[in-house]
Amino acid sequence: MSIIQVQNLVKKYNGLTAVDGISFEVRQGESFGFLGPNGAGKTTTINILCTLLSATDGKAFVNGYDCAKNPSDVRASIGLVFQEDRRDIECG
């Protein structure tokens, strides 16, 4: 069973492509490292998976829930600890 599925994920900001069509899958019980250089789109991808950002294109699923269509279900099924104080973000 896949815990995370990312299919052709894209995120653009005012003409800048932060995430450019990535796809990957993390299966239940698997260890997964998400590595890349600065500016590669790692944080943007994680923010989409946590439903803090919406994707420009593509699909992302966490625990079988569509991150775009079922953000409340995604949030109810994950734990999230911010690196910095993020009281400025409202998390439904």
PDB file of N, CA and C in Angstrom:
ATOM      1  N   MET A   1       0.841  -1.188   0.000  1.00  0.00           N
ATOM      2  CA  MET A   1       0.000   0.000   0.000  1.00  0.00           C
ATOM      3  C   MET A   1       0.888   1.254   0.000  1.00  0.00           C
ATOM      4  N   SER A   2       0.507   2.237  -0.804  1.00  0.00           N
ATOM      5  CA  SER A   2       1.249   3.497  -0.855  1.00  0.00           C
ATOM      6  C   SER A   2       0.735   4.459   0.205  1.00  0.00           C
ATOM      7  N   ILE A   3       1.644   5.025   0.974  1.00  0.00           N
ATOM      8  CA  ILE A   3       1.309   6.032   1.967  1.00  0.00           C
ATOM      9  C   ILE A   3       1.337   7.415   1.326  1.00  0.00           C
ATOM     10  N   ILE A   4       2.276   7.621   0.405  1.00  0.00           N
ATOM     11  CA  ILE A   4       2.377   8.883  -0.333  1.00  0.00           C
ATOM     12  C   ILE A   4       2.503   8.544  -1.814  1.00  0.00           C
ATOM     13  N   GLN A   5       1.708   9.236  -2.626  1.00  0.00           N
ATOM     14  CA  GLN A   5       1.825   9.136  -4.076  1.00  0.00           C
ATOM     15  C   GLN A   5       1.854  10.547  -4.644  1.00  0.00           C
ATOM     16  N   VAL A   6       2.840  10.813  -5.467  1.00  0.00           N
ATOM     17  CA  VAL A   6       2.970  12.103  -6.133  1.00  0.00           C
ATOM     18  C   VAL A   6       3.067  11.812  -7.624  1.00  0.00           C
ATOM     19  N   GLN A   7       2.177  12.433  -8.401  1.00  0.00           N
ATOM     20  CA  GLN A   7       2.100  12.160  -9.834  1.00  0.00           C
ATOM     21  C   GLN A   7       2.217  13.456 -10.633  1.00  0.00           C
ATOM     22  N   ASN A   8       3.335  13.618 -11.308  1.00  0.00           N
ATOM     23  CA  ASN A   8       3.558  14.775 -12.190  1.00  0.00           C
ATOM     24  C   ASN A   8       3.254  16.104 -11.498  1.00  0.00           C
ATOM     25  N   LEU A   9       3.717  16.258 -10.278  1.00  0.00           N
ATOM     26  CA  LEU A   9       3.427  17.441  -9.469  1.00  0.00           C
ATOM     27  C   LEU A   9       4.170  18.673  -9.987  1.00  0.00           C
ATOM     28  N   VAL A  10       3.432  19.772 -10.112  1.00  0.00           N
ATOM     29  CA  VAL A  10       3.981  21.045 -10.582  1.00  0.00           C
ATOM     30  C   VAL A  10       3.503  22.147  -9.658  1.00  0.00           C
ATOM     31  N   LYS A  11       4.398  23.071  -9.320  1.00  0.00           N
ATOM     32  CA  LYS A  11       4.027  24.285  -8.594  1.00  0.00           C
ATOM     33  C   LYS A  11       4.778  25.442  -9.218  1.00  0.00           C
ATOM     34  N   LYS A  12       3.996  26.444  -9.650  1.00  0.00           N
ATOM     35  CA  LYS A  12       4.577  27.644 -10.251  1.00  0.00           C
ATOM     36  C   LYS A  12       4.174  28.861  -9.442  1.00  0.00           C
ATOM     37  N   TYR A  13       5.104  29.798  -9.305  1.00  0.00           N
ATOM     38  CA  TYR A  13       4.873  31.079  -8.654  1.00  0.00           C
ATOM     39  C   TYR A  13       5.227  32.178  -9.641  1.00  0.00           C
ATOM     40  N   ASN A  14       4.263  32.916 -10.118  1.00  0.00           N
ATOM     41  CA  ASN A  14       4.522  34.062 -11.005  1.00  0.00           C
ATOM     42  C   ASN A  14       5.578  33.770 -12.074  1.00  0.00           C
ATOM     43  N   GLY A  15       5.415  32.671 -12.769  1.00  0.00           N
ATOM     44  CA  GLY A  15       6.336  32.318 -13.841  1.00  0.00           C
ATOM     45  C   GLY A  15       7.540  31.497 -13.415  1.00  0.00           C
ATOM     46  N   LEU A  16       7.810  31.400 -12.118  1.00  0.00           N
ATOM     47  CA  LEU A  16       8.908  30.579 -11.605  1.00  0.00           C
ATOM     48  C   LEU A  16       8.378  29.182 -11.303  1.00  0.00           C
ATOM     49  N   THR A  17       9.022  28.179 -11.853  1.00  0.00           N
ATOM     50  CA  THR A  17       8.623  26.795 -11.581  1.00  0.00           C
ATOM     51  C   THR A  17       9.427  26.277 -10.398  1.00  0.00           C
ATOM     52  N   ALA A  18       8.746  26.074  -9.269  1.00  0.00           N
ATOM     53  CA  ALA A  18       9.404  25.596  -8.048  1.00  0.00           C
ATOM     54  C   ALA A  18       9.456  24.066  -8.015  1.00  0.00           C
ATOM     55  N   VAL A  19       8.433  23.417  -8.539  1.00  0.00           N
ATOM     56  CA  VAL A  19       8.366  21.957  -8.633  1.00  0.00           C
ATOM     57  C   VAL A  19       7.979  21.652 -10.077  1.00  0.00           C
ATOM     58  N   ASP A  20       8.766  20.805 -10.733  1.00  0.00           N
ATOM     59  CA  ASP A  20       8.611  20.630 -12.179  1.00  0.00           C
ATOM     60  C   ASP A  20       8.300  19.188 -12.566  1.00  0.00           C
ATOM     61  N   GLY A  21       7.074  18.759 -12.318  1.00  0.00           N
ATOM     62  CA  GLY A  21       6.610  17.468 -12.812  1.00  0.00           C
ATOM     63  C   GLY A  21       7.215  16.262 -12.124  1.00  0.00           C
ATOM     64  N   ILE A  22       7.403  16.321 -10.815  1.00  0.00           N
ATOM     65  CA  ILE A  22       7.997  15.179 -10.108  1.00  0.00           C
ATOM     66  C   ILE A  22       6.952  14.108  -9.815  1.00  0.00           C
ATOM     67  N   SER A  23       7.413  12.880  -9.758  1.00  0.00           N
ATOM     68  CA  SER A  23       6.577  11.740  -9.402  1.00  0.00           C
ATOM     69  C   SER A  23       7.383  10.826  -8.489  1.00  0.00           C
ATOM     70  N   PHE A  24       6.755  10.339  -7.440  1.00  0.00           N
ATOM     71  CA  PHE A  24       7.367   9.330  -6.582  1.00  0.00           C
ATOM     72  C   PHE A  24       6.296   8.686  -5.722  1.00  0.00           C
ATOM     73  N   GLU A  25       6.675   7.595  -5.091  1.00  0.00           N
ATOM     74  CA  GLU A  25       5.745   6.841  -4.256  1.00  0.00           C
ATOM     75  C   GLU A  25       6.497   6.354  -3.025  1.00  0.00           C
ATOM     76  N   VAL A  26       5.849   6.411  -1.873  1.00  0.00           N
ATOM     77  CA  VAL A  26       6.397   5.865  -0.641  1.00  0.00           C
ATOM     78  C   VAL A  26       5.412   4.811  -0.156  1.00  0.00           C
ATOM     79  N   ARG A  27       5.901   3.596  -0.033  1.00  0.00           N
ATOM     80  CA  ARG A  27       5.033   2.487   0.372  1.00  0.00           C
ATOM     81  C   ARG A  27       5.068   2.316   1.892  1.00  0.00           C
ATOM     82  N   GLN A  28       4.019   1.748   2.418  1.00  0.00           N
ATOM     83  CA  GLN A  28       3.916   1.500   3.854  1.00  0.00           C
ATOM     84  C   GLN A  28       5.116   0.684   4.325  1.00  0.00           C
ATOM     85  N   GLY A  29       5.743   1.128   5.427  1.00  0.00           N
ATOM     86  CA  GLY A  29       6.881   0.441   6.011  1.00  0.00           C
ATOM     87  C   GLY A  29       8.224   0.776   5.379  1.00  0.00           C
ATOM     88  N   GLU A  30       8.214   1.579   4.349  1.00  0.00           N
ATOM     89  CA  GLU A  30       9.426   1.943   3.641  1.00  0.00           C
ATOM     90  C   GLU A  30      10.073   3.169   4.279  1.00  0.00           C
ATOM     91  N   SER A  31      11.404   3.201   4.320  1.00  0.00           N
ATOM     92  CA  SER A  31      12.128   4.411   4.718  1.00  0.00           C
ATOM     93  C   SER A  31      12.380   5.222   3.457  1.00  0.00           C
ATOM     94  N   PHE A  32      12.200   6.535   3.555  1.00  0.00           N
ATOM     95  CA  PHE A  32      12.303   7.388   2.367  1.00  0.00           C
ATOM     96  C   PHE A  32      13.041   8.649   2.724  1.00  0.00           C
ATOM     97  N   GLY A  33      14.055   8.988   1.958  1.00  0.00           N
ATOM     98  CA  GLY A  33      14.786  10.240   2.134  1.00  0.00           C
ATOM     99  C   GLY A  33      14.469  11.165   0.972  1.00  0.00           C
ATOM    100  N   PHE A  34      14.129  12.401   1.281  1.00  0.00           N
ATOM    101  CA  PHE A  34      13.763  13.385   0.248  1.00  0.00           C
ATOM    102  C   PHE A  34      14.876  14.412   0.187  1.00  0.00           C
ATOM    103  N   LEU A  35      15.830  14.199  -0.699  1.00  0.00           N
ATOM    104  CA  LEU A  35      17.053  14.987  -0.749  1.00  0.00           C
ATOM    105  C   LEU A  35      17.166  15.757  -2.050  1.00  0.00           C
ATOM    106  N   GLY A  36      17.870  16.869  -1.992  1.00  0.00           N
ATOM    107  CA  GLY A  36      18.146  17.659  -3.184  1.00  0.00           C
ATOM    108  C   GLY A  36      18.799  18.964  -2.790  1.00  0.00           C
ATOM    109  N   PRO A  37      19.358  19.664  -3.767  1.00  0.00           N
ATOM    110  CA  PRO A  37      20.029  20.926  -3.473  1.00  0.00           C
ATOM    111  C   PRO A  37      19.037  22.020  -3.102  1.00  0.00           C
ATOM    112  N   ASN A  38      19.562  23.115  -2.556  1.00  0.00           N
ATOM    113  CA  ASN A  38      18.722  24.281  -2.263  1.00  0.00           C
ATOM    114  C   ASN A  38      17.996  24.702  -3.532  1.00  0.00           C
ATOM    115  N   GLY A  39      16.709  25.012  -3.387  1.00  0.00           N
ATOM    116  CA  GLY A  39      15.923  25.471  -4.523  1.00  0.00           C
ATOM    117  C   GLY A  39      15.351  24.362  -5.386  1.00  0.00           C
ATOM    118  N   ALA A  40      15.516  23.107  -4.966  1.00  0.00           N
ATOM    119  CA  ALA A  40      15.041  21.978  -5.777  1.00  0.00           C
ATOM    120  C   ALA A  40      13.535  21.753  -5.668  1.00  0.00           C
ATOM    121  N   GLY A  41      12.880  22.370  -4.674  1.00  0.00           N
ATOM    122  CA  GLY A  41      11.434  22.213  -4.515  1.00  0.00           C
ATOM    123  C   GLY A  41      11.020  21.267  -3.411  1.00  0.00           C
ATOM    124  N   LYS A  42      11.953  20.886  -2.549  1.00  0.00           N
ATOM    125  CA  LYS A  42      11.630  19.951  -1.467  1.00  0.00           C
ATOM    126  C   LYS A  42      10.594  20.528  -0.507  1.00  0.00           C
ATOM    127  N   THR A  43      10.825  21.722  -0.012  1.00  0.00           N
ATOM    128  CA  THR A  43       9.902  22.348   0.942  1.00  0.00           C
ATOM    129  C   THR A  43       8.549  22.610   0.298  1.00  0.00           C
ATOM    130  N   THR A  44       8.551  23.046  -0.935  1.00  0.00           N
ATOM    131  CA  THR A  44       7.295  23.290  -1.645  1.00  0.00           C
ATOM    132  C   THR A  44       6.504  21.994  -1.772  1.00  0.00           C
ATOM    133  N   THR A  45       7.177  20.900  -2.117  1.00  0.00           N
ATOM    134  CA  THR A  45       6.508  19.602  -2.238  1.00  0.00           C
ATOM    135  C   THR A  45       5.925  19.163  -0.902  1.00  0.00           C
ATOM    136  N   ILE A  46       6.699  19.291   0.164  1.00  0.00           N
ATOM    137  CA  ILE A  46       6.203  18.917   1.496  1.00  0.00           C
ATOM    138  C   ILE A  46       5.011  19.785   1.878  1.00  0.00           C
ATOM    139  N   ASN A  47       5.059  21.059   1.576  1.00  0.00           N
ATOM    140  CA  ASN A  47       3.928  21.946   1.885  1.00  0.00           C
ATOM    141  C   ASN A  47       2.670  21.553   1.111  1.00  0.00           C
ATOM    142  N   ILE A  48       2.823  21.071  -0.103  1.00  0.00           N
ATOM    143  CA  ILE A  48       1.670  20.569  -0.859  1.00  0.00           C
ATOM    144  C   ILE A  48       1.140  19.298  -0.206  1.00  0.00           C
ATOM    145  N   LEU A  49       2.041  18.394   0.183  1.00  0.00           N
ATOM    146  CA  LEU A  49       1.618  17.147   0.830  1.00  0.00           C
ATOM    147  C   LEU A  49       0.928  17.393   2.173  1.00  0.00           C
ATOM    148  N   CYS A  50       1.292  18.464   2.853  1.00  0.00           N
ATOM    149  CA  CYS A  50       0.668  18.821   4.140  1.00  0.00           C
ATOM    150  C   CYS A  50      -0.554  19.718   3.951  1.00  0.00           C
ATOM    151  N   THR A  51      -0.902  20.016   2.723  1.00  0.00           N
ATOM    152  CA  THR A  51      -2.053  20.847   2.334  1.00  0.00           C
ATOM    153  C   THR A  51      -1.883  22.313   2.704  1.00  0.00           C
ATOM    154  N   LEU A  52      -0.647  22.761   2.887  1.00  0.00           N
ATOM    155  CA  LEU A  52      -0.393  24.174   3.173  1.00  0.00           C
ATOM    156  C   LEU A  52      -0.307  24.992   1.890  1.00  0.00           C
ATOM    157  N   LEU A  53      -0.040  24.316   0.773  1.00  0.00           N
ATOM    158  CA  LEU A  53      -0.021  24.939  -0.556  1.00  0.00           C
ATOM    159  C   LEU A  53      -0.830  24.058  -1.501  1.00  0.00           C
ATOM    160  N   SER A  54      -1.347  24.644  -2.554  1.00  0.00           N
ATOM    161  CA  SER A  54      -2.006  23.849  -3.588  1.00  0.00           C
ATOM    162  C   SER A  54      -1.060  23.722  -4.783  1.00  0.00           C
ATOM    163  N   ALA A  55      -1.166  22.609  -5.468  1.00  0.00           N
ATOM    164  CA  ALA A  55      -0.345  22.366  -6.652  1.00  0.00           C
ATOM    165  C   ALA A  55      -0.913  23.137  -7.838  1.00  0.00           C
ATOM    166  N   THR A  56      -0.045  23.514  -8.751  1.00  0.00           N
ATOM    167  CA  THR A  56      -0.471  24.117 -10.004  1.00  0.00           C
ATOM    168  C   THR A  56      -1.016  23.039 -10.934  1.00  0.00           C
ATOM    169  N   ASP A  57      -0.390  21.859 -10.892  1.00  0.00           N
ATOM    170  CA  ASP A  57      -0.813  20.733 -11.716  1.00  0.00           C
ATOM    171  C   ASP A  57      -0.322  19.448 -11.066  1.00  0.00           C
ATOM    172  N   GLY A  58      -0.862  18.329 -11.499  1.00  0.00           N
ATOM    173  CA  GLY A  58      -0.473  17.035 -10.971  1.00  0.00           C
ATOM    174  C   GLY A  58      -1.344  16.638  -9.788  1.00  0.00           C
ATOM    175  N   LYS A  59      -1.000  15.508  -9.198  1.00  0.00           N
ATOM    176  CA  LYS A  59      -1.777  14.944  -8.093  1.00  0.00           C
ATOM    177  C   LYS A  59      -0.855  14.561  -6.948  1.00  0.00           C
ATOM    178  N   ALA A  60      -1.388  14.674  -5.731  1.00  0.00           N
ATOM    179  CA  ALA A  60      -0.666  14.234  -4.542  1.00  0.00           C
ATOM    180  C   ALA A  60      -1.666  13.579  -3.600  1.00  0.00           C
ATOM    181  N   PHE A  61      -1.299  12.411  -3.087  1.00  0.00           N
ATOM    182  CA  PHE A  61      -2.153  11.655  -2.175  1.00  0.00           C
ATOM    183  C   PHE A  61      -1.355  11.292  -0.931  1.00  0.00           C
ATOM    184  N   VAL A  62      -1.978  11.422   0.225  1.00  0.00           N
ATOM    185  CA  VAL A  62      -1.387  11.012   1.491  1.00  0.00           C
ATOM    186  C   VAL A  62      -2.388  10.101   2.176  1.00  0.00           C
ATOM    187  N   ASN A  63      -1.956   8.901   2.531  1.00  0.00           N
ATOM    188  CA  ASN A  63      -2.827   7.902   3.157  1.00  0.00           C
ATOM    189  C   ASN A  63      -4.090   7.646   2.336  1.00  0.00           C
ATOM    190  N   GLY A  64      -3.966   7.749   1.019  1.00  0.00           N
ATOM    191  CA  GLY A  64      -5.092   7.505   0.124  1.00  0.00           C
ATOM    192  C   GLY A  64      -5.987   8.711  -0.114  1.00  0.00           C
ATOM    193  N   TYR A  65      -5.726   9.811   0.579  1.00  0.00           N
ATOM    194  CA  TYR A  65      -6.543  11.021   0.438  1.00  0.00           C
ATOM    195  C   TYR A  65      -5.894  11.987  -0.549  1.00  0.00           C
ATOM    196  N   ASP A  66      -6.701  12.529  -1.425  1.00  0.00           N
ATOM    197  CA  ASP A  66      -6.247  13.527  -2.393  1.00  0.00           C
ATOM    198  C   ASP A  66      -5.978  14.832  -1.647  1.00  0.00           C
ATOM    199  N   CYS A  67      -4.763  15.335  -1.733  1.00  0.00           N
ATOM    200  CA  CYS A  67      -4.386  16.547  -0.993  1.00  0.00           C
ATOM    201  C   CYS A  67      -5.205  17.765  -1.417  1.00  0.00           C
ATOM    202  N   ALA A  68      -5.629  17.816  -2.675  1.00  0.00           N
ATOM    203  CA  ALA A  68      -6.413  18.952  -3.163  1.00  0.00           C
ATOM    204  C   ALA A  68      -7.896  18.815  -2.817  1.00  0.00           C
ATOM    205  N   LYS A  69      -8.417  17.606  -2.907  1.00  0.00           N
ATOM    206  CA  LYS A  69      -9.860  17.392  -2.728  1.00  0.00           C
ATOM    207  C   LYS A  69     -10.260  17.075  -1.291  1.00  0.00           C
ATOM    208  N   ASN A  70      -9.334  16.522  -0.506  1.00  0.00           N
ATOM    209  CA  ASN A  70      -9.651  16.086   0.856  1.00  0.00           C
ATOM    210  C   ASN A  70      -8.627  16.583   1.876  1.00  0.00           C
ATOM    211  N   PRO A  71      -8.376  17.902   1.927  1.00  0.00           N
ATOM    212  CA  PRO A  71      -7.332  18.392   2.832  1.00  0.00           C
ATOM    213  C   PRO A  71      -7.600  18.091   4.306  1.00  0.00           C
ATOM    214  N   SER A  72      -8.851  18.108   4.733  1.00  0.00           N
ATOM    215  CA  SER A  72      -9.158  17.815   6.136  1.00  0.00           C
ATOM    216  C   SER A  72      -8.805  16.379   6.490  1.00  0.00           C
ATOM    217  N   ASP A  73      -9.064  15.445   5.578  1.00  0.00           N
ATOM    218  CA  ASP A  73      -8.716  14.045   5.816  1.00  0.00           C
ATOM    219  C   ASP A  73      -7.202  13.848   5.843  1.00  0.00           C
ATOM    220  N   VAL A  74      -6.495  14.548   4.952  1.00  0.00           N
ATOM    221  CA  VAL A  74      -5.028  14.474   4.960  1.00  0.00           C
ATOM    222  C   VAL A  74      -4.506  14.978   6.298  1.00  0.00           C
ATOM    223  N   ARG A  75      -4.973  16.138   6.721  1.00  0.00           N
ATOM    224  CA  ARG A  75      -4.492  16.733   7.979  1.00  0.00           C
ATOM    225  C   ARG A  75      -4.822  15.880   9.188  1.00  0.00           C
ATOM    226  N   ALA A  76      -5.972  15.215   9.165  1.00  0.00           N
ATOM    227  CA  ALA A  76      -6.354  14.351  10.283  1.00  0.00           C
ATOM    228  C   ALA A  76      -5.498  13.088  10.347  1.00  0.00           C
ATOM    229  N   SER A  77      -4.835  12.741   9.239  1.00  0.00           N
ATOM    230  CA  SER A  77      -4.080  11.493   9.190  1.00  0.00           C
ATOM    231  C   SER A  77      -2.566  11.672   9.317  1.00  0.00           C
ATOM    232  N   ILE A  78      -2.104  12.922   9.474  1.00  0.00           N
ATOM    233  CA  ILE A  78      -0.661  13.164   9.595  1.00  0.00           C
ATOM    234  C   ILE A  78      -0.344  13.927  10.875  1.00  0.00           C
ATOM    235  N   GLY A  79       0.914  13.920  11.241  1.00  0.00           N
ATOM    236  CA  GLY A  79       1.429  14.776  12.306  1.00  0.00           C
ATOM    237  C   GLY A  79       2.397  15.765  11.680  1.00  0.00           C
ATOM    238  N   LEU A  80       2.350  16.994  12.129  1.00  0.00           N
ATOM    239  CA  LEU A  80       3.189  18.029  11.532  1.00  0.00           C
ATOM    240  C   LEU A  80       3.753  18.910  12.632  1.00  0.00           C
ATOM    241  N   VAL A  81       5.076  19.053  12.652  1.00  0.00           N
ATOM    242  CA  VAL A  81       5.747  19.938  13.593  1.00  0.00           C
ATOM    243  C   VAL A  81       6.531  20.946  12.757  1.00  0.00           C
ATOM    244  N   PHE A  82       6.237  22.222  12.928  1.00  0.00           N
ATOM    245  CA  PHE A  82       6.905  23.256  12.155  1.00  0.00           C
ATOM    246  C   PHE A  82       8.299  23.514  12.691  1.00  0.00           C
ATOM    247  N   GLN A  83       9.208  23.832  11.800  1.00  0.00           N
ATOM    248  CA  GLN A  83      10.570  24.174  12.182  1.00  0.00           C
ATOM    249  C   GLN A  83      10.594  25.529  12.876  1.00  0.00           C
ATOM    250  N   GLU A  84       9.729  26.420  12.424  1.00  0.00           N
ATOM    251  CA  GLU A  84       9.643  27.763  12.982  1.00  0.00           C
ATOM    252  C   GLU A  84       8.224  28.006  13.479  1.00  0.00           C
ATOM    253  N   ASP A  85       8.045  29.048  14.279  1.00  0.00           N
ATOM    254  CA  ASP A  85       6.728  29.439  14.749  1.00  0.00           C
ATOM    255  C   ASP A  85       5.878  29.855  13.552  1.00  0.00           C
ATOM    256  N   ARG A  86       4.785  29.136  13.296  1.00  0.00           N
ATOM    257  CA  ARG A  86       3.947  29.402  12.129  1.00  0.00           C
ATOM    258  C   ARG A  86       2.521  29.756  12.542  1.00  0.00           C
ATOM    259  N   ARG A  87       2.351  30.578  13.539  1.00  0.00           N
ATOM    260  CA  ARG A  87       1.019  30.977  13.982  1.00  0.00           C
ATOM    261  C   ARG A  87       0.265  31.781  12.939  1.00  0.00           C
ATOM    262  N   ASP A  88       0.985  32.244  11.911  1.00  0.00           N
ATOM    263  CA  ASP A  88       0.352  33.037  10.856  1.00  0.00           C
ATOM    264  C   ASP A  88      -0.442  32.162   9.887  1.00  0.00           C
ATOM    265  N   ILE A  89      -0.284  30.823   9.958  1.00  0.00           N
ATOM    266  CA  ILE A  89      -0.991  29.907   9.057  1.00  0.00           C
ATOM    267  C   ILE A  89      -2.162  29.286   9.806  1.00  0.00           C
ATOM    268  N   GLU A  90      -3.333  29.376   9.221  1.00  0.00           N
ATOM    269  CA  GLU A  90      -4.510  28.750   9.808  1.00  0.00           C
ATOM    270  C   GLU A  90      -4.647  27.347   9.233  1.00  0.00           C
ATOM    271  N   CYS A  91      -4.621  26.347  10.077  1.00  0.00           N
ATOM    272  CA  CYS A  91      -4.690  24.946   9.643  1.00  0.00           C
ATOM    273  C   CYS A  91      -6.025  24.337  10.052  1.00  0.00           C
ATOM    274  N   GLY A  92      -7.082  24.725   9.367  1.00  0.00           N
ATOM    275  CA  GLY A  92      -8.445  24.235   9.506  1.00  0.00           C
ATOM    276  C   GLY A  92      -8.677  23.365  10.634  1.00  0.00           C
TER     277      GLY A  92
END
